[in-house]
Amino acid sequence: MNRVLRPGGSFYISEPCRDATPSNEHSSGSGTSGVWYVRERRTKNRKSVEEPLAAAELRAQLRRLGFQFEMRFLTHLPPLQGALSERAYVRAVRLVSFPWRRSKGDLLFVFGP
């Protein structure tokens, strides 16, 4: 990122995360949120090379490199995805993610200047 960002530029990272929340542990039944995320994608004939990462490791690496950033999380709810409209699904995800949006979830988003 240091090599390609212009001065004053910004970056965005979006990755599956293995930091489980009570809601995704319940919906996945596995206790490891990132594992079912990758398995779910593969069962739909979409190959995924994304290995869920640990947010603490990414946070430590970005800090070590001197980046300023904000980290947010979302909890994916696969059982509801097909049952709700896209708008209703996004609202449900935001509601379920709210208590943990700054600490853990299935999907990790990092924004930085």
PDB file of N, CA and C in Angstrom:
ATOM      1  N   MET A   1       0.828  -1.202   0.000  1.00  0.00           N
ATOM      2  CA  MET A   1       0.000   0.000   0.000  1.00  0.00           C
ATOM      3  C   MET A   1       0.864   1.255   0.000  1.00  0.00           C
ATOM      4  N   ASN A   2       1.964   1.194   0.755  1.00  0.00           N
ATOM      5  CA  ASN A   2       2.858   2.358   0.764  1.00  0.00           C
ATOM      6  C   ASN A   2       3.373   2.673  -0.628  1.00  0.00           C
ATOM      7  N   ARG A   3       3.618   1.649  -1.426  1.00  0.00           N
ATOM      8  CA  ARG A   3       4.183   1.841  -2.753  1.00  0.00           C
ATOM      9  C   ARG A   3       3.180   2.441  -3.730  1.00  0.00           C
ATOM     10  N   VAL A   4       1.909   2.073  -3.639  1.00  0.00           N
ATOM     11  CA  VAL A   4       0.943   2.489  -4.657  1.00  0.00           C
ATOM     12  C   VAL A   4       0.041   3.650  -4.246  1.00  0.00           C
ATOM     13  N   LEU A   5      -0.054   3.941  -2.946  1.00  0.00           N
ATOM     14  CA  LEU A   5      -0.908   5.062  -2.531  1.00  0.00           C
ATOM     15  C   LEU A   5      -0.211   6.396  -2.758  1.00  0.00           C
ATOM     16  N   ARG A   6      -0.950   7.311  -3.306  1.00  0.00           N
ATOM     17  CA  ARG A   6      -0.439   8.675  -3.443  1.00  0.00           C
ATOM     18  C   ARG A   6      -0.522   9.360  -2.076  1.00  0.00           C
ATOM     19  N   PRO A   7       0.266  10.413  -1.864  1.00  0.00           N
ATOM     20  CA  PRO A   7       0.132  11.172  -0.617  1.00  0.00           C
ATOM     21  C   PRO A   7      -1.316  11.653  -0.449  1.00  0.00           C
ATOM     22  N   GLY A   8      -1.882  11.407   0.708  1.00  0.00           N
ATOM     23  CA  GLY A   8      -3.273  11.783   0.959  1.00  0.00           C
ATOM     24  C   GLY A   8      -4.273  10.742   0.466  1.00  0.00           C
ATOM     25  N   GLY A   9      -3.792   9.644  -0.130  1.00  0.00           N
ATOM     26  CA  GLY A   9      -4.671   8.591  -0.624  1.00  0.00           C
ATOM     27  C   GLY A   9      -5.275   7.783   0.519  1.00  0.00           C
ATOM     28  N   SER A  10      -6.175   6.881   0.183  1.00  0.00           N
ATOM     29  CA  SER A  10      -6.799   6.045   1.205  1.00  0.00           C
ATOM     30  C   SER A  10      -6.824   4.596   0.743  1.00  0.00           C
ATOM     31  N   PHE A  11      -7.028   3.679   1.689  1.00  0.00           N
ATOM     32  CA  PHE A  11      -7.093   2.265   1.360  1.00  0.00           C
ATOM     33  C   PHE A  11      -8.313   1.630   2.014  1.00  0.00           C
ATOM     34  N   TYR A  12      -8.673   0.467   1.480  1.00  0.00           N
ATOM     35  CA  TYR A  12      -9.831  -0.281   1.953  1.00  0.00           C
ATOM     36  C   TYR A  12      -9.480  -1.760   1.884  1.00  0.00           C
ATOM     37  N   ILE A  13      -9.734  -2.488   2.954  1.00  0.00           N
ATOM     38  CA  ILE A  13      -9.510  -3.931   2.997  1.00  0.00           C
ATOM     39  C   ILE A  13     -10.829  -4.586   3.381  1.00  0.00           C
ATOM     40  N   SER A  14     -11.197  -5.637   2.680  1.00  0.00           N
ATOM     41  CA  SER A  14     -12.395  -6.412   2.992  1.00  0.00           C
ATOM     42  C   SER A  14     -12.016  -7.886   2.939  1.00  0.00           C
ATOM     43  N   GLU A  15     -12.116  -8.588   4.061  1.00  0.00           N
ATOM     44  CA  GLU A  15     -11.700  -9.985   4.137  1.00  0.00           C
ATOM     45  C   GLU A  15     -12.613 -10.764   5.073  1.00  0.00           C
ATOM     46  N   PRO A  16     -12.742 -12.071   4.842  1.00  0.00           N
ATOM     47  CA  PRO A  16     -13.447 -12.892   5.822  1.00  0.00           C
ATOM     48  C   PRO A  16     -12.604 -12.969   7.096  1.00  0.00           C
ATOM     49  N   CYS A  17     -13.256 -13.078   8.206  1.00  0.00           N
ATOM     50  CA  CYS A  17     -12.592 -13.020   9.503  1.00  0.00           C
ATOM     51  C   CYS A  17     -13.006 -14.224  10.339  1.00  0.00           C
ATOM     52  N   ARG A  18     -12.081 -14.742  11.123  1.00  0.00           N
ATOM     53  CA  ARG A  18     -12.419 -15.914  11.931  1.00  0.00           C
ATOM     54  C   ARG A  18     -12.770 -15.576  13.367  1.00  0.00           C
ATOM     55  N   ASP A  19     -13.012 -14.324  13.671  1.00  0.00           N
ATOM     56  CA  ASP A  19     -13.395 -13.909  15.022  1.00  0.00           C
ATOM     57  C   ASP A  19     -14.901 -14.067  15.194  1.00  0.00           C
ATOM     58  N   ALA A  20     -15.319 -15.066  15.933  1.00  0.00           N
ATOM     59  CA  ALA A  20     -16.735 -15.421  16.042  1.00  0.00           C
ATOM     60  C   ALA A  20     -17.496 -14.518  17.007  1.00  0.00           C
ATOM     61  N   THR A  21     -18.758 -14.308  16.702  1.00  0.00           N
ATOM     62  CA  THR A  21     -19.694 -13.630  17.595  1.00  0.00           C
ATOM     63  C   THR A  21     -20.745 -14.651  18.016  1.00  0.00           C
ATOM     64  N   PRO A  22     -21.472 -14.398  19.101  1.00  0.00           N
ATOM     65  CA  PRO A  22     -22.521 -15.351  19.495  1.00  0.00           C
ATOM     66  C   PRO A  22     -23.536 -15.616  18.383  1.00  0.00           C
ATOM     67  N   SER A  23     -23.889 -14.604  17.603  1.00  0.00           N
ATOM     68  CA  SER A  23     -24.896 -14.810  16.563  1.00  0.00           C
ATOM     69  C   SER A  23     -24.379 -15.662  15.415  1.00  0.00           C
ATOM     70  N   ASN A  24     -23.115 -15.510  14.997  1.00  0.00           N
ATOM     71  CA  ASN A  24     -22.651 -16.351  13.897  1.00  0.00           C
ATOM     72  C   ASN A  24     -22.260 -17.741  14.372  1.00  0.00           C
ATOM     73  N   GLU A  25     -21.873 -17.894  15.632  1.00  0.00           N
ATOM     74  CA  GLU A  25     -21.644 -19.236  16.171  1.00  0.00           C
ATOM     75  C   GLU A  25     -22.947 -20.023  16.148  1.00  0.00           C
ATOM     76  N   HIS A  26     -24.038 -19.355  16.524  1.00  0.00           N
ATOM     77  CA  HIS A  26     -25.345 -20.011  16.547  1.00  0.00           C
ATOM     78  C   HIS A  26     -25.810 -20.366  15.130  1.00  0.00           C
ATOM     79  N   SER A  27     -25.666 -19.431  14.197  1.00  0.00           N
ATOM     80  CA  SER A  27     -26.164 -19.683  12.843  1.00  0.00           C
ATOM     81  C   SER A  27     -25.315 -20.681  12.082  1.00  0.00           C
ATOM     82  N   SER A  28     -24.015 -20.766  12.399  1.00  0.00           N
ATOM     83  CA  SER A  28     -23.159 -21.695  11.667  1.00  0.00           C
ATOM     84  C   SER A  28     -23.121 -23.067  12.309  1.00  0.00           C
ATOM     85  N   GLY A  29     -23.298 -23.099  13.623  1.00  0.00           N
ATOM     86  CA  GLY A  29     -23.226 -24.361  14.340  1.00  0.00           C
ATOM     87  C   GLY A  29     -21.810 -24.890  14.490  1.00  0.00           C
ATOM     88  N   SER A  30     -20.822 -24.196  13.933  1.00  0.00           N
ATOM     89  CA  SER A  30     -19.456 -24.719  13.976  1.00  0.00           C
ATOM     90  C   SER A  30     -18.613 -24.085  15.063  1.00  0.00           C
ATOM     91  N   GLY A  31     -18.966 -22.891  15.502  1.00  0.00           N
ATOM     92  CA  GLY A  31     -18.146 -22.203  16.484  1.00  0.00           C
ATOM     93  C   GLY A  31     -16.964 -21.469  15.892  1.00  0.00           C
ATOM     94  N   THR A  32     -16.712 -21.632  14.598  1.00  0.00           N
ATOM     95  CA  THR A  32     -15.638 -20.899  13.931  1.00  0.00           C
ATOM     96  C   THR A  32     -16.232 -20.241  12.702  1.00  0.00           C
ATOM     97  N   SER A  33     -16.498 -18.986  12.804  1.00  0.00           N
ATOM     98  CA  SER A  33     -17.287 -18.285  11.799  1.00  0.00           C
ATOM     99  C   SER A  33     -16.683 -18.320  10.404  1.00  0.00           C
ATOM    100  N   GLY A  34     -15.386 -18.113  10.283  1.00  0.00           N
ATOM    101  CA  GLY A  34     -14.783 -18.053   8.963  1.00  0.00           C
ATOM    102  C   GLY A  34     -14.821 -19.375   8.218  1.00  0.00           C
ATOM    103  N   VAL A  35     -14.801 -20.473   8.948  1.00  0.00           N
ATOM    104  CA  VAL A  35     -14.793 -21.783   8.306  1.00  0.00           C
ATOM    105  C   VAL A  35     -16.062 -22.002   7.503  1.00  0.00           C
ATOM    106  N   TRP A  36     -17.228 -21.739   8.095  1.00  0.00           N
ATOM    107  CA  TRP A  36     -18.467 -21.957   7.343  1.00  0.00           C
ATOM    108  C   TRP A  36     -18.596 -20.955   6.211  1.00  0.00           C
ATOM    109  N   TYR A  37     -18.025 -19.767   6.351  1.00  0.00           N
ATOM    110  CA  TYR A  37     -18.105 -18.777   5.279  1.00  0.00           C
ATOM    111  C   TYR A  37     -17.437 -19.324   4.015  1.00  0.00           C
ATOM    112  N   VAL A  38     -16.233 -19.843   4.154  1.00  0.00           N
ATOM    113  CA  VAL A  38     -15.526 -20.388   2.992  1.00  0.00           C
ATOM    114  C   VAL A  38     -16.245 -21.626   2.484  1.00  0.00           C
ATOM    115  N   ARG A  39     -16.689 -22.513   3.382  1.00  0.00           N
ATOM    116  CA  ARG A  39     -17.395 -23.723   2.971  1.00  0.00           C
ATOM    117  C   ARG A  39     -18.674 -23.356   2.234  1.00  0.00           C
ATOM    118  N   GLU A  40     -19.419 -22.394   2.728  1.00  0.00           N
ATOM    119  CA  GLU A  40     -20.673 -21.959   2.082  1.00  0.00           C
ATOM    120  C   GLU A  40     -20.406 -21.480   0.666  1.00  0.00           C
ATOM    121  N   ARG A  41     -19.372 -20.720   0.468  1.00  0.00           N
ATOM    122  CA  ARG A  41     -19.061 -20.213  -0.871  1.00  0.00           C
ATOM    123  C   ARG A  41     -18.686 -21.349  -1.811  1.00  0.00           C
ATOM    124  N   ARG A  42     -17.941 -22.324  -1.323  1.00  0.00           N
ATOM    125  CA  ARG A  42     -17.519 -23.429  -2.182  1.00  0.00           C
ATOM    126  C   ARG A  42     -18.680 -24.328  -2.559  1.00  0.00           C
ATOM    127  N   THR A  43     -19.639 -24.495  -1.675  1.00  0.00           N
ATOM    128  CA  THR A  43     -20.760 -25.387  -1.976  1.00  0.00           C
ATOM    129  C   THR A  43     -21.659 -24.804  -3.049  1.00  0.00           C
ATOM    130  N   LYS A  44     -21.538 -23.535  -3.317  1.00  0.00           N
ATOM    131  CA  LYS A  44     -22.333 -22.909  -4.371  1.00  0.00           C
ATOM    132  C   LYS A  44     -21.544 -22.830  -5.670  1.00  0.00           C
ATOM    133  N   ASN A  45     -20.543 -23.697  -5.819  1.00  0.00           N
ATOM    134  CA  ASN A  45     -19.716 -23.773  -7.026  1.00  0.00           C
ATOM    135  C   ASN A  45     -18.952 -22.488  -7.313  1.00  0.00           C
ATOM    136  N   ARG A  46     -18.667 -21.735  -6.281  1.00  0.00           N
ATOM    137  CA  ARG A  46     -17.819 -20.556  -6.427  1.00  0.00           C
ATOM    138  C   ARG A  46     -16.552 -20.828  -5.645  1.00  0.00           C
ATOM    139  N   LYS A  47     -15.442 -20.928  -6.337  1.00  0.00           N
ATOM    140  CA  LYS A  47     -14.194 -21.186  -5.639  1.00  0.00           C
ATOM    141  C   LYS A  47     -13.752 -19.937  -4.904  1.00  0.00           C
ATOM    142  N   SER A  48     -13.273 -20.136  -3.692  1.00  0.00           N
ATOM    143  CA  SER A  48     -12.779 -19.033  -2.901  1.00  0.00           C
ATOM    144  C   SER A  48     -11.370 -19.350  -2.421  1.00  0.00           C
ATOM    145  N   VAL A  49     -10.475 -18.420  -2.590  1.00  0.00           N
ATOM    146  CA  VAL A  49      -9.124 -18.590  -2.084  1.00  0.00           C
ATOM    147  C   VAL A  49      -8.939 -17.787  -0.808  1.00  0.00           C
ATOM    148  N   GLU A  50     -10.004 -17.202  -0.312  1.00  0.00           N
ATOM    149  CA  GLU A  50      -9.910 -16.379   0.880  1.00  0.00           C
ATOM    150  C   GLU A  50      -9.897 -17.242   2.137  1.00  0.00           C
ATOM    151  N   GLU A  51      -8.788 -17.232   2.828  1.00  0.00           N
ATOM    152  CA  GLU A  51      -8.674 -17.904   4.109  1.00  0.00           C
ATOM    153  C   GLU A  51      -9.035 -16.871   5.182  1.00  0.00           C
ATOM    154  N   PRO A  52      -9.982 -17.179   6.041  1.00  0.00           N
ATOM    155  CA  PRO A  52     -10.337 -16.209   7.087  1.00  0.00           C
ATOM    156  C   PRO A  52      -9.112 -15.843   7.916  1.00  0.00           C
ATOM    157  N   LEU A  53      -8.990 -14.573   8.238  1.00  0.00           N
ATOM    158  CA  LEU A  53      -7.841 -14.108   9.006  1.00  0.00           C
ATOM    159  C   LEU A  53      -8.253 -13.673  10.395  1.00  0.00           C
ATOM    160  N   ALA A  54      -7.268 -13.539  11.254  1.00  0.00           N
ATOM    161  CA  ALA A  54      -7.502 -13.060  12.616  1.00  0.00           C
ATOM    162  C   ALA A  54      -7.355 -11.543  12.612  1.00  0.00           C
ATOM    163  N   ALA A  55      -8.368 -10.849  13.086  1.00  0.00           N
ATOM    164  CA  ALA A  55      -8.344  -9.386  13.097  1.00  0.00           C
ATOM    165  C   ALA A  55      -7.180  -8.848  13.918  1.00  0.00           C
ATOM    166  N   ALA A  56      -6.853  -9.506  15.028  1.00  0.00           N
ATOM    167  CA  ALA A  56      -5.757  -9.028  15.881  1.00  0.00           C
ATOM    168  C   ALA A  56      -4.427  -9.041  15.126  1.00  0.00           C
ATOM    169  N   GLU A  57      -4.221 -10.063  14.294  1.00  0.00           N
ATOM    170  CA  GLU A  57      -2.980 -10.136  13.521  1.00  0.00           C
ATOM    171  C   GLU A  57      -2.901  -9.017  12.486  1.00  0.00           C
ATOM    172  N   LEU A  58      -4.007  -8.769  11.779  1.00  0.00           N
ATOM    173  CA  LEU A  58      -4.017  -7.691  10.790  1.00  0.00           C
ATOM    174  C   LEU A  58      -3.855  -6.337  11.476  1.00  0.00           C
ATOM    175  N   ARG A  59      -4.552  -6.138  12.587  1.00  0.00           N
ATOM    176  CA  ARG A  59      -4.438  -4.885  13.341  1.00  0.00           C
ATOM    177  C   ARG A  59      -2.989  -4.636  13.748  1.00  0.00           C
ATOM    178  N   ALA A  60      -2.329  -5.654  14.295  1.00  0.00           N
ATOM    179  CA  ALA A  60      -0.933  -5.521  14.735  1.00  0.00           C
ATOM    180  C   ALA A  60      -0.013  -5.203  13.556  1.00  0.00           C
ATOM    181  N   GLN A  61      -0.235  -5.862  12.434  1.00  0.00           N
ATOM    182  CA  GLN A  61       0.598  -5.628  11.248  1.00  0.00           C
ATOM    183  C   GLN A  61       0.430  -4.205  10.722  1.00  0.00           C
ATOM    184  N   LEU A  62      -0.817  -3.737  10.622  1.00  0.00           N
ATOM    185  CA  LEU A  62      -1.056  -2.379  10.131  1.00  0.00           C
ATOM    186  C   LEU A  62      -0.456  -1.335  11.075  1.00  0.00           C
ATOM    187  N   ARG A  63      -0.572  -1.564  12.371  1.00  0.00           N
ATOM    188  CA  ARG A  63       0.034  -0.630  13.342  1.00  0.00           C
ATOM    189  C   ARG A  63       1.551  -0.646  13.225  1.00  0.00           C
ATOM    190  N   ARG A  64       2.120  -1.843  13.076  1.00  0.00           N
ATOM    191  CA  ARG A  64       3.576  -1.961  12.943  1.00  0.00           C
ATOM    192  C   ARG A  64       4.078  -1.188  11.732  1.00  0.00           C
ATOM    193  N   LEU A  65       3.285  -1.188  10.661  1.00  0.00           N
ATOM    194  CA  LEU A  65       3.660  -0.476   9.442  1.00  0.00           C
ATOM    195  C   LEU A  65       3.347   1.020   9.505  1.00  0.00           C
ATOM    196  N   GLY A  66       2.713   1.467  10.589  1.00  0.00           N
ATOM    197  CA  GLY A  66       2.452   2.887  10.781  1.00  0.00           C
ATOM    198  C   GLY A  66       1.194   3.416  10.113  1.00  0.00           C
ATOM    199  N   PHE A  67       0.273   2.532   9.714  1.00  0.00           N
ATOM    200  CA  PHE A  67      -0.968   2.976   9.088  1.00  0.00           C
ATOM    201  C   PHE A  67      -1.965   3.466  10.116  1.00  0.00           C
ATOM    202  N   GLN A  68      -2.713   4.496   9.752  1.00  0.00           N
ATOM    203  CA  GLN A  68      -3.880   4.931  10.518  1.00  0.00           C
ATOM    204  C   GLN A  68      -5.066   4.245   9.874  1.00  0.00           C
ATOM    205  N   PHE A  69      -5.984   3.715  10.693  1.00  0.00           N
ATOM    206  CA  PHE A  69      -7.093   2.968  10.113  1.00  0.00           C
ATOM    207  C   PHE A  69      -8.236   2.829  11.112  1.00  0.00           C
ATOM    208  N   GLU A  70      -9.370   2.457  10.563  1.00  0.00           N
ATOM    209  CA  GLU A  70     -10.554   2.130  11.348  1.00  0.00           C
ATOM    210  C   GLU A  70     -10.999   0.742  10.915  1.00  0.00           C
ATOM    211  N   MET A  71     -11.300  -0.107  11.875  1.00  0.00           N
ATOM    212  CA  MET A  71     -11.689  -1.480  11.595  1.00  0.00           C
ATOM    213  C   MET A  71     -13.148  -1.667  11.984  1.00  0.00           C
ATOM    214  N   ARG A  72     -13.948  -2.238  11.092  1.00  0.00           N
ATOM    215  CA  ARG A  72     -15.361  -2.538  11.358  1.00  0.00           C
ATOM    216  C   ARG A  72     -15.639  -3.983  10.954  1.00  0.00           C
ATOM    217  N   PHE A  73     -16.642  -4.568  11.574  1.00  0.00           N
ATOM    218  CA  PHE A  73     -16.989  -5.966  11.339  1.00  0.00           C
ATOM    219  C   PHE A  73     -18.471  -6.106  11.038  1.00  0.00           C
ATOM    220  N   LEU A  74     -18.815  -7.129  10.260  1.00  0.00           N
ATOM    221  CA  LEU A  74     -20.202  -7.507  10.025  1.00  0.00           C
ATOM    222  C   LEU A  74     -20.348  -9.001  10.268  1.00  0.00           C
ATOM    223  N   THR A  75     -21.533  -9.397  10.695  1.00  0.00           N
ATOM    224  CA  THR A  75     -21.857 -10.806  10.884  1.00  0.00           C
ATOM    225  C   THR A  75     -22.741 -11.241   9.727  1.00  0.00           C
ATOM    226  N   HIS A  76     -22.265 -12.207   8.960  1.00  0.00           N
ATOM    227  CA  HIS A  76     -22.987 -12.741   7.812  1.00  0.00           C
ATOM    228  C   HIS A  76     -24.074 -13.694   8.316  1.00  0.00           C
ATOM    229  N   LEU A  77     -25.260 -13.639   7.753  1.00  0.00           N
ATOM    230  CA  LEU A  77     -26.386 -14.477   8.177  1.00  0.00           C
ATOM    231  C   LEU A  77     -26.916 -15.287   7.000  1.00  0.00           C
ATOM    232  N   PRO A  78     -26.218 -16.352   6.607  1.00  0.00           N
ATOM    233  CA  PRO A  78     -26.603 -17.085   5.401  1.00  0.00           C
ATOM    234  C   PRO A  78     -28.039 -17.598   5.386  1.00  0.00           C
ATOM    235  N   PRO A  79     -28.611 -18.055   6.521  1.00  0.00           N
ATOM    236  CA  PRO A  79     -29.993 -18.540   6.439  1.00  0.00           C
ATOM    237  C   PRO A  79     -30.994 -17.455   6.021  1.00  0.00           C
ATOM    238  N   LEU A  80     -30.683 -16.197   6.329  1.00  0.00           N
ATOM    239  CA  LEU A  80     -31.602 -15.106   6.001  1.00  0.00           C
ATOM    240  C   LEU A  80     -31.356 -14.515   4.620  1.00  0.00           C
ATOM    241  N   GLN A  81     -30.195 -14.769   4.049  1.00  0.00           N
ATOM    242  CA  GLN A  81     -29.825 -14.106   2.801  1.00  0.00           C
ATOM    243  C   GLN A  81     -30.811 -14.384   1.669  1.00  0.00           C
ATOM    244  N   GLY A  82     -31.233 -15.603   1.508  1.00  0.00           N
ATOM    245  CA  GLY A  82     -32.176 -15.922   0.446  1.00  0.00           C
ATOM    246  C   GLY A  82     -33.617 -15.650   0.811  1.00  0.00           C
ATOM    247  N   ALA A  83     -33.882 -15.529   2.109  1.00  0.00           N
ATOM    248  CA  ALA A  83     -35.258 -15.368   2.581  1.00  0.00           C
ATOM    249  C   ALA A  83     -35.717 -13.911   2.614  1.00  0.00           C
ATOM    250  N   LEU A  84     -34.797 -12.971   2.645  1.00  0.00           N
ATOM    251  CA  LEU A  84     -35.134 -11.551   2.751  1.00  0.00           C
ATOM    252  C   LEU A  84     -34.733 -10.804   1.484  1.00  0.00           C
ATOM    253  N   SER A  85     -35.371  -9.672   1.274  1.00  0.00           N
ATOM    254  CA  SER A  85     -34.924  -8.797   0.190  1.00  0.00           C
ATOM    255  C   SER A  85     -33.525  -8.292   0.536  1.00  0.00           C
ATOM    256  N   GLU A  86     -32.799  -7.802  -0.436  1.00  0.00           N
ATOM    257  CA  GLU A  86     -31.444  -7.320  -0.182  1.00  0.00           C
ATOM    258  C   GLU A  86     -31.433  -6.206   0.875  1.00  0.00           C
ATOM    259  N   ARG A  87     -32.376  -5.291   0.759  1.00  0.00           N
ATOM    260  CA  ARG A  87     -32.451  -4.182   1.716  1.00  0.00           C
ATOM    261  C   ARG A  87     -32.735  -4.694   3.133  1.00  0.00           C
ATOM    262  N   ALA A  88     -33.681  -5.620   3.273  1.00  0.00           N
ATOM    263  CA  ALA A  88     -34.013  -6.178   4.586  1.00  0.00           C
ATOM    264  C   ALA A  88     -32.837  -6.976   5.145  1.00  0.00           C
ATOM    265  N   TYR A  89     -32.142  -7.698   4.266  1.00  0.00           N
ATOM    266  CA  TYR A  89     -30.985  -8.472   4.711  1.00  0.00           C
ATOM    267  C   TYR A  89     -29.885  -7.552   5.239  1.00  0.00           C
ATOM    268  N   VAL A  90     -29.593  -6.477   4.524  1.00  0.00           N
ATOM    269  CA  VAL A  90     -28.565  -5.523   4.969  1.00  0.00           C
ATOM    270  C   VAL A  90     -28.948  -4.933   6.325  1.00  0.00           C
ATOM    271  N   ARG A  91     -30.191  -4.595   6.504  1.00  0.00           N
ATOM    272  CA  ARG A  91     -30.643  -4.070   7.804  1.00  0.00           C
ATOM    273  C   ARG A  91     -30.481  -5.105   8.912  1.00  0.00           C
ATOM    274  N   ALA A  92     -30.840  -6.354   8.625  1.00  0.00           N
ATOM    275  CA  ALA A  92     -30.703  -7.423   9.625  1.00  0.00           C
ATOM    276  C   ALA A  92     -29.237  -7.627  10.001  1.00  0.00           C
ATOM    277  N   VAL A  93     -28.357  -7.631   9.002  1.00  0.00           N
ATOM    278  CA  VAL A  93     -26.931  -7.799   9.259  1.00  0.00           C
ATOM    279  C   VAL A  93     -26.406  -6.658  10.122  1.00  0.00           C
ATOM    280  N   ARG A  94     -26.782  -5.443   9.806  1.00  0.00           N
ATOM    281  CA  ARG A  94     -26.324  -4.294  10.604  1.00  0.00           C
ATOM    282  C   ARG A  94     -26.834  -4.370  12.040  1.00  0.00           C
ATOM    283  N   LEU A  95     -28.075  -4.781  12.207  1.00  0.00           N
ATOM    284  CA  LEU A  95     -28.654  -4.896  13.542  1.00  0.00           C
ATOM    285  C   LEU A  95     -27.938  -5.965  14.364  1.00  0.00           C
ATOM    286  N   VAL A  96     -27.748  -7.130  13.780  1.00  0.00           N
ATOM    287  CA  VAL A  96     -27.076  -8.226  14.485  1.00  0.00           C
ATOM    288  C   VAL A  96     -25.609  -7.891  14.745  1.00  0.00           C
ATOM    289  N   SER A  97     -24.976  -7.167  13.846  1.00  0.00           N
ATOM    290  CA  SER A  97     -23.555  -6.828  13.968  1.00  0.00           C
ATOM    291  C   SER A  97     -23.291  -5.700  14.946  1.00  0.00           C
ATOM    292  N   PHE A  98     -24.300  -4.902  15.241  1.00  0.00           N
ATOM    293  CA  PHE A  98     -24.088  -3.678  16.016  1.00  0.00           C
ATOM    294  C   PHE A  98     -23.312  -3.884  17.319  1.00  0.00           C
ATOM    295  N   PRO A  99     -23.670  -4.865  18.166  1.00  0.00           N
ATOM    296  CA  PRO A  99     -22.941  -4.986  19.443  1.00  0.00           C
ATOM    297  C   PRO A  99     -21.449  -5.273  19.280  1.00  0.00           C
ATOM    298  N   TRP A 100     -21.056  -5.917  18.166  1.00  0.00           N
ATOM    299  CA  TRP A 100     -19.665  -6.325  17.977  1.00  0.00           C
ATOM    300  C   TRP A 100     -18.995  -5.607  16.819  1.00  0.00           C
ATOM    301  N   ARG A 101     -19.612  -4.600  16.255  1.00  0.00           N
ATOM    302  CA  ARG A 101     -19.126  -4.005  15.002  1.00  0.00           C
ATOM    303  C   ARG A 101     -17.696  -3.485  15.072  1.00  0.00           C
ATOM    304  N   ARG A 102     -17.176  -3.261  16.259  1.00  0.00           N
ATOM    305  CA  ARG A 102     -15.800  -2.761  16.387  1.00  0.00           C
ATOM    306  C   ARG A 102     -14.819  -3.816  16.898  1.00  0.00           C
ATOM    307  N   SER A 103     -15.306  -5.048  17.145  1.00  0.00           N
ATOM    308  CA  SER A 103     -14.400  -6.025  17.743  1.00  0.00           C
ATOM    309  C   SER A 103     -14.356  -7.391  17.074  1.00  0.00           C
ATOM    310  N   LYS A 104     -15.466  -7.882  16.505  1.00  0.00           N
ATOM    311  CA  LYS A 104     -15.434  -9.211  15.902  1.00  0.00           C
ATOM    312  C   LYS A 104     -16.621  -9.431  14.983  1.00  0.00           C
ATOM    313  N   GLY A 105     -16.472 -10.405  14.087  1.00  0.00           N
ATOM    314  CA  GLY A 105     -17.520 -10.736  13.139  1.00  0.00           C
ATOM    315  C   GLY A 105     -16.998 -11.644  12.049  1.00  0.00           C
ATOM    316  N   ASP A 106     -17.823 -11.939  11.065  1.00  0.00           N
ATOM    317  CA  ASP A 106     -17.429 -12.801   9.947  1.00  0.00           C
ATOM    318  C   ASP A 106     -16.632 -12.052   8.894  1.00  0.00           C
ATOM    319  N   LEU A 107     -17.018 -10.827   8.657  1.00  0.00           N
ATOM    320  CA  LEU A 107     -16.405 -10.017   7.607  1.00  0.00           C
ATOM    321  C   LEU A 107     -15.733  -8.813   8.246  1.00  0.00           C
ATOM    322  N   LEU A 108     -14.541  -8.538   7.801  1.00  0.00           N
ATOM    323  CA  LEU A 108     -13.727  -7.473   8.344  1.00  0.00           C
ATOM    324  C   LEU A 108     -13.538  -6.395   7.282  1.00  0.00           C
ATOM    325  N   PHE A 109     -13.742  -5.151   7.661  1.00  0.00           N
ATOM    326  CA  PHE A 109     -13.554  -4.010   6.758  1.00  0.00           C
ATOM    327  C   PHE A 109     -12.591  -3.045   7.430  1.00  0.00           C
ATOM    328  N   VAL A 110     -11.576  -2.626   6.707  1.00  0.00           N
ATOM    329  CA  VAL A 110     -10.591  -1.685   7.224  1.00  0.00           C
ATOM    330  C   VAL A 110     -10.535  -0.505   6.269  1.00  0.00           C
ATOM    331  N   PHE A 111     -10.631   0.689   6.822  1.00  0.00           N
ATOM    332  CA  PHE A 111     -10.578   1.928   6.042  1.00  0.00           C
ATOM    333  C   PHE A 111      -9.442   2.765   6.605  1.00  0.00           C
ATOM    334  N   GLY A 112      -8.671   3.380   5.741  1.00  0.00           N
ATOM    335  CA  GLY A 112      -7.602   4.218   6.244  1.00  0.00           C
ATOM    336  C   GLY A 112      -7.172   5.287   5.258  1.00  0.00           C
ATOM    337  N   PRO A 113      -6.675   6.403   5.813  1.00  0.00           N
ATOM    338  CA  PRO A 113      -6.157   7.473   4.954  1.00  0.00           C
ATOM    339  C   PRO A 113      -4.755   7.137   4.457  1.00  0.00           C
TER     340      PRO A 113
END
